[in-house]
Amino acid sequence: MANLSRNIIDSGEVKNMIGQKEFRGITSNSTIFEKVITGNAIYDQR
């Protein structure tokens, strides 16, 4: 999975994909991850 976000975690989509064995793991490039979460209101909520 290349586009992990809080929205798909909170919605249960990731859990469903794991349950259906649509993928086996998730990884994130730390540089890209930092750019995505910095200044994004979705991640400020928690």
PDB file of N, CA and C in Angstrom:
ATOM      1  N   MET A   1       0.851  -1.167   0.000  1.00  0.00           N
ATOM      2  CA  MET A   1       0.000   0.000   0.000  1.00  0.00           C
ATOM      3  C   MET A   1       0.896   1.229   0.000  1.00  0.00           C
ATOM      4  N   ALA A   2       0.621   2.126  -0.900  1.00  0.00           N
ATOM      5  CA  ALA A   2       1.470   3.305  -1.036  1.00  0.00           C
ATOM      6  C   ALA A   2       0.839   4.579  -0.505  1.00  0.00           C
ATOM      7  N   ASN A   3      -0.430   4.540  -0.174  1.00  0.00           N
ATOM      8  CA  ASN A   3      -1.102   5.774   0.219  1.00  0.00           C
ATOM      9  C   ASN A   3      -1.847   5.622   1.541  1.00  0.00           C
ATOM     10  N   LEU A   4      -1.139   5.216   2.559  1.00  0.00           N
ATOM     11  CA  LEU A   4      -1.733   5.050   3.881  1.00  0.00           C
ATOM     12  C   LEU A   4      -2.098   6.409   4.468  1.00  0.00           C
ATOM     13  N   SER A   5      -3.327   6.534   4.951  1.00  0.00           N
ATOM     14  CA  SER A   5      -3.752   7.776   5.591  1.00  0.00           C
ATOM     15  C   SER A   5      -4.649   7.450   6.773  1.00  0.00           C
ATOM     16  N   ARG A   6      -4.778   8.399   7.659  1.00  0.00           N
ATOM     17  CA  ARG A   6      -5.635   8.207   8.835  1.00  0.00           C
ATOM     18  C   ARG A   6      -7.075   7.929   8.415  1.00  0.00           C
ATOM     19  N   ASN A   7      -7.526   8.563   7.339  1.00  0.00           N
ATOM     20  CA  ASN A   7      -8.907   8.357   6.889  1.00  0.00           C
ATOM     21  C   ASN A   7      -9.199   6.886   6.603  1.00  0.00           C
ATOM     22  N   ILE A   8      -8.303   6.208   5.913  1.00  0.00           N
ATOM     23  CA  ILE A   8      -8.597   4.811   5.581  1.00  0.00           C
ATOM     24  C   ILE A   8      -8.367   3.882   6.770  1.00  0.00           C
ATOM     25  N   ILE A   9      -7.581   4.322   7.730  1.00  0.00           N
ATOM     26  CA  ILE A   9      -7.439   3.548   8.968  1.00  0.00           C
ATOM     27  C   ILE A   9      -8.718   3.685   9.790  1.00  0.00           C
ATOM     28  N   ASP A  10      -9.155   4.930  10.002  1.00  0.00           N
ATOM     29  CA  ASP A  10     -10.354   5.186  10.804  1.00  0.00           C
ATOM     30  C   ASP A  10     -11.615   4.579  10.192  1.00  0.00           C
ATOM     31  N   SER A  11     -11.681   4.539   8.867  1.00  0.00           N
ATOM     32  CA  SER A  11     -12.876   4.020   8.193  1.00  0.00           C
ATOM     33  C   SER A  11     -12.977   2.500   8.259  1.00  0.00           C
ATOM     34  N   GLY A  12     -11.876   1.839   8.608  1.00  0.00           N
ATOM     35  CA  GLY A  12     -11.874   0.379   8.653  1.00  0.00           C
ATOM     36  C   GLY A  12     -11.412  -0.260   7.352  1.00  0.00           C
ATOM     37  N   GLU A  13     -11.100   0.565   6.357  1.00  0.00           N
ATOM     38  CA  GLU A  13     -10.687   0.035   5.052  1.00  0.00           C
ATOM     39  C   GLU A  13      -9.416  -0.807   5.150  1.00  0.00           C
ATOM     40  N   VAL A  14      -8.443  -0.349   5.928  1.00  0.00           N
ATOM     41  CA  VAL A  14      -7.200  -1.107   6.078  1.00  0.00           C
ATOM     42  C   VAL A  14      -7.476  -2.458   6.737  1.00  0.00           C
ATOM     43  N   LYS A  15      -8.288  -2.452   7.780  1.00  0.00           N
ATOM     44  CA  LYS A  15      -8.633  -3.702   8.465  1.00  0.00           C
ATOM     45  C   LYS A  15      -9.317  -4.672   7.504  1.00  0.00           C
ATOM     46  N   ASN A  16     -10.236  -4.161   6.692  1.00  0.00           N
ATOM     47  CA  ASN A  16     -10.914  -5.011   5.712  1.00  0.00           C
ATOM     48  C   ASN A  16      -9.945  -5.579   4.686  1.00  0.00           C
ATOM     49  N   MET A  17      -9.016  -4.753   4.225  1.00  0.00           N
ATOM     50  CA  MET A  17      -8.043  -5.214   3.239  1.00  0.00           C
ATOM     51  C   MET A  17      -7.152  -6.302   3.825  1.00  0.00           C
ATOM     52  N   ILE A  18      -6.770  -6.152   5.089  1.00  0.00           N
ATOM     53  CA  ILE A  18      -5.957  -7.175   5.746  1.00  0.00           C
ATOM     54  C   ILE A  18      -6.778  -8.452   5.889  1.00  0.00           C
ATOM     55  N   GLY A  19      -8.026  -8.311   6.318  1.00  0.00           N
ATOM     56  CA  GLY A  19      -8.897  -9.469   6.491  1.00  0.00           C
ATOM     57  C   GLY A  19      -9.137 -10.224   5.199  1.00  0.00           C
ATOM     58  N   GLN A  20      -9.175  -9.506   4.093  1.00  0.00           N
ATOM     59  CA  GLN A  20      -9.389 -10.129   2.787  1.00  0.00           C
ATOM     60  C   GLN A  20      -8.075 -10.534   2.124  1.00  0.00           C
ATOM     61  N   LYS A  21      -6.971 -10.325   2.846  1.00  0.00           N
ATOM     62  CA  LYS A  21      -5.624 -10.662   2.380  1.00  0.00           C
ATOM     63  C   LYS A  21      -5.283  -9.985   1.052  1.00  0.00           C
ATOM     64  N   GLU A  22      -5.743  -8.742   0.917  1.00  0.00           N
ATOM     65  CA  GLU A  22      -5.433  -7.976  -0.281  1.00  0.00           C
ATOM     66  C   GLU A  22      -4.002  -7.445  -0.264  1.00  0.00           C
ATOM     67  N   PHE A  23      -3.420  -7.345   0.907  1.00  0.00           N
ATOM     68  CA  PHE A  23      -2.009  -7.000   1.015  1.00  0.00           C
ATOM     69  C   PHE A  23      -1.461  -7.560   2.309  1.00  0.00           C
ATOM     70  N   ARG A  24      -0.154  -7.608   2.406  1.00  0.00           N
ATOM     71  CA  ARG A  24       0.484  -8.244   3.557  1.00  0.00           C
ATOM     72  C   ARG A  24       1.207  -7.282   4.472  1.00  0.00           C
ATOM     73  N   GLY A  25       1.384  -6.055   4.060  1.00  0.00           N
ATOM     74  CA  GLY A  25       2.107  -5.122   4.904  1.00  0.00           C
ATOM     75  C   GLY A  25       2.017  -3.700   4.395  1.00  0.00           C
ATOM     76  N   ILE A  26       2.451  -2.811   5.248  1.00  0.00           N
ATOM     77  CA  ILE A  26       2.441  -1.387   4.933  1.00  0.00           C
ATOM     78  C   ILE A  26       3.790  -0.824   5.359  1.00  0.00           C
ATOM     79  N   THR A  27       4.345  -0.010   4.512  1.00  0.00           N
ATOM     80  CA  THR A  27       5.584   0.662   4.856  1.00  0.00           C
ATOM     81  C   THR A  27       5.481   2.108   4.390  1.00  0.00           C
ATOM     82  N   SER A  28       6.316   2.942   4.919  1.00  0.00           N
ATOM     83  CA  SER A  28       6.277   4.339   4.523  1.00  0.00           C
ATOM     84  C   SER A  28       7.683   4.906   4.470  1.00  0.00           C
ATOM     85  N   ASN A  29       7.950   5.656   3.449  1.00  0.00           N
ATOM     86  CA  ASN A  29       9.198   6.385   3.345  1.00  0.00           C
ATOM     87  C   ASN A  29       9.115   7.530   4.350  1.00  0.00           C
ATOM     88  N   SER A  30      10.051   7.594   5.276  1.00  0.00           N
ATOM     89  CA  SER A  30       9.957   8.583   6.364  1.00  0.00           C
ATOM     90  C   SER A  30       9.940  10.018   5.862  1.00  0.00           C
ATOM     91  N   THR A  31      10.634  10.313   4.785  1.00  0.00           N
ATOM     92  CA  THR A  31      10.639  11.669   4.241  1.00  0.00           C
ATOM     93  C   THR A  31       9.275  12.027   3.681  1.00  0.00           C
ATOM     94  N   ILE A  32       8.679  11.122   2.928  1.00  0.00           N
ATOM     95  CA  ILE A  32       7.354  11.361   2.373  1.00  0.00           C
ATOM     96  C   ILE A  32       6.331  11.440   3.492  1.00  0.00           C
ATOM     97  N   PHE A  33       6.426  10.552   4.470  1.00  0.00           N
ATOM     98  CA  PHE A  33       5.498  10.534   5.590  1.00  0.00           C
ATOM     99  C   PHE A  33       5.523  11.864   6.336  1.00  0.00           C
ATOM    100  N   GLU A  34       6.702  12.388   6.597  1.00  0.00           N
ATOM    101  CA  GLU A  34       6.819  13.670   7.302  1.00  0.00           C
ATOM    102  C   GLU A  34       6.158  14.791   6.510  1.00  0.00           C
ATOM    103  N   LYS A  35       6.350  14.813   5.205  1.00  0.00           N
ATOM    104  CA  LYS A  35       5.746  15.857   4.374  1.00  0.00           C
ATOM    105  C   LYS A  35       4.227  15.765   4.389  1.00  0.00           C
ATOM    106  N   VAL A  36       3.706  14.559   4.412  1.00  0.00           N
ATOM    107  CA  VAL A  36       2.256  14.365   4.393  1.00  0.00           C
ATOM    108  C   VAL A  36       1.616  14.824   5.697  1.00  0.00           C
ATOM    109  N   ILE A  37       2.220  14.493   6.834  1.00  0.00           N
ATOM    110  CA  ILE A  37       1.572  14.801   8.112  1.00  0.00           C
ATOM    111  C   ILE A  37       1.832  16.213   8.601  1.00  0.00           C
ATOM    112  N   THR A  38       2.893  16.842   8.150  1.00  0.00           N
ATOM    113  CA  THR A  38       3.212  18.196   8.593  1.00  0.00           C
ATOM    114  C   THR A  38       2.195  19.188   8.026  1.00  0.00           C
ATOM    115  N   GLY A  39       1.502  19.847   8.914  1.00  0.00           N
ATOM    116  CA  GLY A  39       0.538  20.851   8.501  1.00  0.00           C
ATOM    117  C   GLY A  39      -0.779  20.304   8.003  1.00  0.00           C
ATOM    118  N   ASN A  40      -1.030  19.012   8.167  1.00  0.00           N
ATOM    119  CA  ASN A  40      -2.283  18.415   7.722  1.00  0.00           C
ATOM    120  C   ASN A  40      -3.218  18.306   8.909  1.00  0.00           C
ATOM    121  N   ALA A  41      -4.363  18.951   8.850  1.00  0.00           N
ATOM    122  CA  ALA A  41      -5.294  19.016   9.985  1.00  0.00           C
ATOM    123  C   ALA A  41      -5.775  17.650  10.436  1.00  0.00           C
ATOM    124  N   ILE A  42      -5.850  16.684   9.540  1.00  0.00           N
ATOM    125  CA  ILE A  42      -6.280  15.332   9.930  1.00  0.00           C
ATOM    126  C   ILE A  42      -5.388  14.780  11.024  1.00  0.00           C
ATOM    127  N   TYR A  43      -4.103  15.042  10.948  1.00  0.00           N
ATOM    128  CA  TYR A  43      -3.164  14.495  11.915  1.00  0.00           C
ATOM    129  C   TYR A  43      -3.023  15.365  13.161  1.00  0.00           C
ATOM    130  N   ASP A  44      -3.549  16.575  13.126  1.00  0.00           N
ATOM    131  CA  ASP A  44      -3.532  17.446  14.306  1.00  0.00           C
ATOM    132  C   ASP A  44      -4.601  17.038  15.324  1.00  0.00           C
ATOM    133  N   GLN A  45      -5.584  16.249  14.918  1.00  0.00           N
ATOM    134  CA  GLN A  45      -6.697  15.877  15.771  1.00  0.00           C
ATOM    135  C   GLN A  45      -6.268  14.977  16.924  1.00  0.00           C
ATOM    136  N   ARG A  46      -5.175  14.265  16.786  1.00  0.00           N
ATOM    137  CA  ARG A  46      -4.778  13.300  17.819  1.00  0.00           C
ATOM    138  C   ARG A  46      -3.432  13.575  18.362  1.00  0.00           C
TER     139      ARG A  46
END
